[in-house]
Amino acid sequence: MPTSKVTRKGQITIPQEIREALGIREGDVVEVSLAGGRVELRRVAPWAELAGSLGDRASLVPGGEAALRGTAAAAWADEASERLDRDLPA
């Protein structure tokens, strides 16, 4: 399991395999949250990446933009978890 040391300023370096699994690149924005005593890190996709991806079907998404954001975030988290599971030794 990758580790990072916390600096005096509270900063850490995200290990390369984690960055790759989440698709995090220099300049990206990440969301950091607490969940059950654990820290969760998630890449926040710029809306420019998603612009036009639904075309005229965007109005068909139940729950609107908030639901769409939640669904996308969950899908990215699942994909990252699957990539890490494949790449990490048992």
Protein backbone atom coordinates (compact mmCIF):
# COMPACT_ATOMS: atom_id res chain seq x y z
CA MET A 1 0.00 0.00 0.00
CA PRO A 2 1.48 3.37 -0.98
CA THR A 3 2.30 5.88 1.76
CA SER A 4 3.04 9.61 1.95
CA LYS A 5 4.68 11.73 4.62
CA VAL A 6 2.84 14.83 5.84
CA THR A 7 4.87 18.04 5.62
CA ARG A 8 4.94 20.79 8.23
CA LYS A 9 2.27 22.60 6.18
CA GLY A 10 -0.01 19.55 6.19
CA GLN A 11 0.72 18.69 2.56
CA ILE A 12 1.21 15.23 1.08
CA THR A 13 2.27 13.90 -2.31
CA ILE A 14 -0.29 11.64 -3.95
CA PRO A 15 1.57 8.47 -4.98
CA GLN A 16 1.90 7.94 -8.73
CA GLU A 17 -0.22 4.78 -8.90
CA ILE A 18 -3.08 6.57 -7.10
CA ARG A 19 -2.83 9.59 -9.43
CA GLU A 20 -2.87 7.29 -12.44
CA ALA A 21 -5.82 5.26 -11.14
CA LEU A 22 -7.85 8.41 -10.54
CA GLY A 23 -6.67 10.16 -13.69
CA ILE A 24 -5.23 13.07 -11.68
CA ARG A 25 -2.83 15.34 -13.55
CA GLU A 26 -1.01 18.55 -12.68
CA GLY A 27 -3.49 21.39 -12.25
CA ASP A 28 -6.49 19.12 -11.60
CA VAL A 29 -8.84 19.83 -8.71
CA VAL A 30 -9.43 17.10 -6.13
CA GLU A 31 -12.16 16.82 -3.53
CA VAL A 32 -11.09 15.71 -0.05
CA SER A 33 -13.71 14.42 2.40
CA LEU A 34 -14.04 12.42 5.62
CA ALA A 35 -16.07 9.22 5.61
CA GLY A 36 -16.19 7.00 8.67
CA GLY A 37 -12.78 8.04 9.98
CA ARG A 38 -11.15 7.75 6.54
CA VAL A 39 -10.03 10.41 4.12
CA GLU A 40 -11.43 10.10 0.62
CA LEU A 41 -9.81 11.76 -2.35
CA ARG A 42 -11.66 12.23 -5.62
CA ARG A 43 -10.76 13.97 -8.86
CA VAL A 44 -13.24 16.69 -9.76
CA ALA A 45 -13.78 16.63 -13.51
CA PRO A 46 -13.91 20.02 -15.14
CA TRP A 47 -17.36 20.57 -16.64
CA ALA A 48 -15.59 21.40 -19.89
CA GLU A 49 -14.80 17.66 -20.17
CA LEU A 50 -18.48 16.83 -19.90
CA ALA A 51 -19.90 19.70 -21.96
CA GLY A 52 -22.12 18.42 -24.70
CA SER A 53 -21.75 14.78 -23.69
CA LEU A 54 -25.49 14.43 -23.13
CA GLY A 55 -26.55 16.68 -25.99
CA ASP A 56 -30.29 17.29 -25.96
CA ARG A 57 -30.83 14.43 -23.46
CA ALA A 58 -29.51 16.41 -20.46
CA SER A 59 -33.07 17.32 -19.45
CA LEU A 60 -33.89 13.60 -19.09
CA VAL A 61 -31.54 13.06 -16.13
CA PRO A 62 -33.72 12.49 -13.02
CA GLY A 63 -32.68 14.72 -10.15
CA GLY A 64 -30.95 17.28 -12.33
CA GLU A 65 -27.34 18.41 -12.12
CA ALA A 66 -26.78 17.30 -8.52
CA ALA A 67 -27.80 13.73 -9.34
CA LEU A 68 -25.63 13.77 -12.45
CA ARG A 69 -22.61 14.96 -10.45
CA GLY A 70 -23.16 12.25 -7.83
CA THR A 71 -23.52 9.52 -10.43
CA ALA A 72 -20.38 10.63 -12.26
CA ALA A 73 -18.39 10.83 -9.02
CA ALA A 74 -19.50 7.33 -8.00
CA ALA A 75 -18.55 5.94 -11.41
CA TRP A 76 -15.08 7.52 -11.23
CA ALA A 77 -14.59 6.17 -7.71
CA ASP A 78 -15.60 2.67 -8.82
CA GLU A 79 -13.25 2.78 -11.79
CA ALA A 80 -10.35 4.00 -9.65
CA SER A 81 -11.00 1.28 -7.09
CA GLU A 82 -11.05 -1.39 -9.80
CA ARG A 83 -7.78 -0.09 -11.27
CA LEU A 84 -6.12 -0.11 -7.85
CA ASP A 85 -7.37 -3.61 -7.10
CA ARG A 86 -5.88 -4.85 -10.39
CA ASP A 87 -2.56 -3.06 -9.90
CA LEU A 88 -1.83 -3.70 -6.23
CA PRO A 89 -0.27 -7.01 -5.15
CA ALA A 90 -2.52 -9.28 -3.11
